[in-house]
Protein backbone atom coordinates (compact mmCIF):
# COMPACT_ATOMS: atom_id res chain seq x y z
CA MET A 1 35.43 -45.72 -18.58
CA THR A 2 37.65 -48.38 -17.09
CA ILE A 3 40.14 -49.77 -19.57
CA THR A 4 41.48 -53.29 -19.04
CA ASN A 5 43.73 -55.64 -20.92
CA GLU A 6 40.58 -57.30 -22.26
CA ASN A 7 38.98 -54.16 -23.75
CA PHE A 8 42.07 -52.09 -24.62
CA GLU A 9 42.10 -53.08 -28.29
CA SER A 10 38.38 -52.48 -28.89
CA GLU A 11 38.03 -49.31 -26.79
CA VAL A 12 41.37 -47.64 -27.54
CA LEU A 13 43.17 -49.05 -30.56
CA LYS A 14 40.04 -49.43 -32.70
CA SER A 15 38.28 -46.27 -31.51
CA PRO A 16 37.02 -44.03 -34.33
CA ILE A 17 37.65 -40.95 -32.16
CA PRO A 18 40.75 -39.91 -30.14
CA VAL A 19 41.13 -41.53 -26.71
CA LEU A 20 42.60 -39.91 -23.60
CA ILE A 21 43.91 -42.54 -21.19
CA ASP A 22 44.71 -41.75 -17.56
CA PHE A 23 47.17 -44.25 -16.07
CA TRP A 24 46.56 -43.89 -12.34
CA ALA A 25 46.36 -45.62 -8.93
CA ASP A 26 44.08 -45.18 -5.94
CA TRP A 27 46.96 -44.34 -3.58
CA CYS A 28 48.39 -41.62 -5.88
CA GLY A 29 47.70 -38.08 -4.59
CA PRO A 30 48.36 -36.28 -7.90
CA CYS A 31 46.12 -38.85 -9.64
CA ARG A 32 43.26 -38.03 -7.28
CA MET A 33 43.94 -34.33 -7.81
CA ILE A 34 43.47 -34.48 -11.60
CA GLY A 35 40.63 -37.03 -11.48
CA PRO A 36 37.85 -34.40 -11.33
CA ILE A 37 39.51 -32.47 -14.19
CA ILE A 38 39.57 -35.61 -16.34
CA ASP A 39 35.89 -36.22 -15.50
CA ARG A 40 34.93 -32.64 -16.50
CA LEU A 41 36.81 -32.92 -19.79
CA ALA A 42 35.11 -36.26 -20.51
CA ALA A 43 31.72 -34.57 -20.09
CA GLU A 44 32.67 -31.47 -22.10
CA TYR A 45 34.06 -33.45 -25.04
CA GLU A 46 31.59 -36.34 -24.97
CA GLY A 47 31.20 -37.81 -28.44
CA ARG A 48 34.37 -36.09 -29.69
CA ILE A 49 36.91 -37.83 -27.47
CA LYS A 50 36.75 -40.99 -25.41
CA VAL A 51 38.22 -40.90 -21.90
CA GLY A 52 39.40 -43.98 -20.05
CA LYS A 53 41.30 -44.84 -16.91
CA ILE A 54 43.78 -47.65 -16.39
CA ASP A 55 44.54 -48.63 -12.79
CA VAL A 56 48.25 -49.50 -12.92
CA ASP A 57 47.93 -51.77 -9.85
CA LYS A 58 45.19 -53.88 -11.43
CA GLU A 59 46.47 -53.78 -15.02
CA THR A 60 50.21 -54.24 -14.52
CA ALA A 61 50.75 -56.01 -17.85
CA LEU A 62 49.03 -53.18 -19.71
CA SER A 63 50.96 -50.43 -17.93
CA ASP A 64 54.24 -52.36 -18.40
CA ARG A 65 53.52 -52.83 -22.12
CA HIS A 66 53.10 -49.06 -22.49
CA GLY A 67 56.22 -48.19 -20.49
CA ILE A 68 54.43 -46.43 -17.65
CA VAL A 69 56.94 -45.75 -14.87
CA SER A 70 55.39 -42.68 -13.19
CA ILE A 71 51.79 -41.76 -12.51
CA PRO A 72 49.67 -40.01 -13.35
CA THR A 73 50.54 -40.47 -17.00
CA LEU A 74 48.12 -39.20 -19.61
CA VAL A 75 48.34 -40.64 -23.12
CA VAL A 76 46.27 -39.61 -26.14
CA TYR A 77 45.71 -42.27 -28.80
CA LYS A 78 44.52 -41.50 -32.32
CA ASP A 79 44.01 -44.13 -35.01
CA GLY A 80 45.44 -46.79 -32.69
CA SER A 81 48.71 -45.02 -31.89
CA PRO A 82 49.87 -42.83 -29.01
CA VAL A 83 50.27 -39.25 -30.25
CA GLN A 84 50.67 -37.20 -27.06
CA GLN A 85 51.82 -37.94 -23.52
CA LYS A 86 52.14 -36.03 -20.25
CA VAL A 87 53.51 -37.28 -16.95
CA GLY A 88 52.47 -35.72 -13.66
CA ALA A 89 49.63 -33.55 -12.45
CA ALA A 90 48.49 -30.89 -14.89
CA SER A 91 45.98 -28.09 -15.21
CA LYS A 92 42.76 -28.43 -17.19
CA GLN A 93 44.27 -26.29 -19.96
CA ASP A 94 47.40 -28.45 -20.17
CA ILE A 95 45.38 -31.67 -20.32
CA GLU A 96 42.98 -30.21 -22.87
CA GLY A 97 45.98 -29.11 -24.96
CA LEU A 98 46.99 -32.76 -25.37
CA PHE A 99 43.95 -33.52 -27.52
CA LYS A 100 42.16 -30.31 -28.50
CA SER A 101 43.75 -30.10 -31.96
CA LEU A 102 42.61 -33.68 -32.66
CA VAL A 103 38.87 -33.14 -32.20
């Protein structure tokens, strides 16, 4: 799911389930590397966690507001607040560890 400034509040802050957000950019090699992992996790945890992507080049105000300075940055939100964060490429197990205890 693509997250924008317009839908961030409804899709992330007001979500009844945890949300994993991938702050990324098209030109970012590590972002492209973890993209398929994020997609697999979204399918495996469908209905238990929501997964969204924020393109930092298109949503600069949103990435600035959340203090994103390096990508990829993964942030897990629960009940409208960020609860976990990881910067840089990561394995499936590391990414899953960000949210597994929340579902």
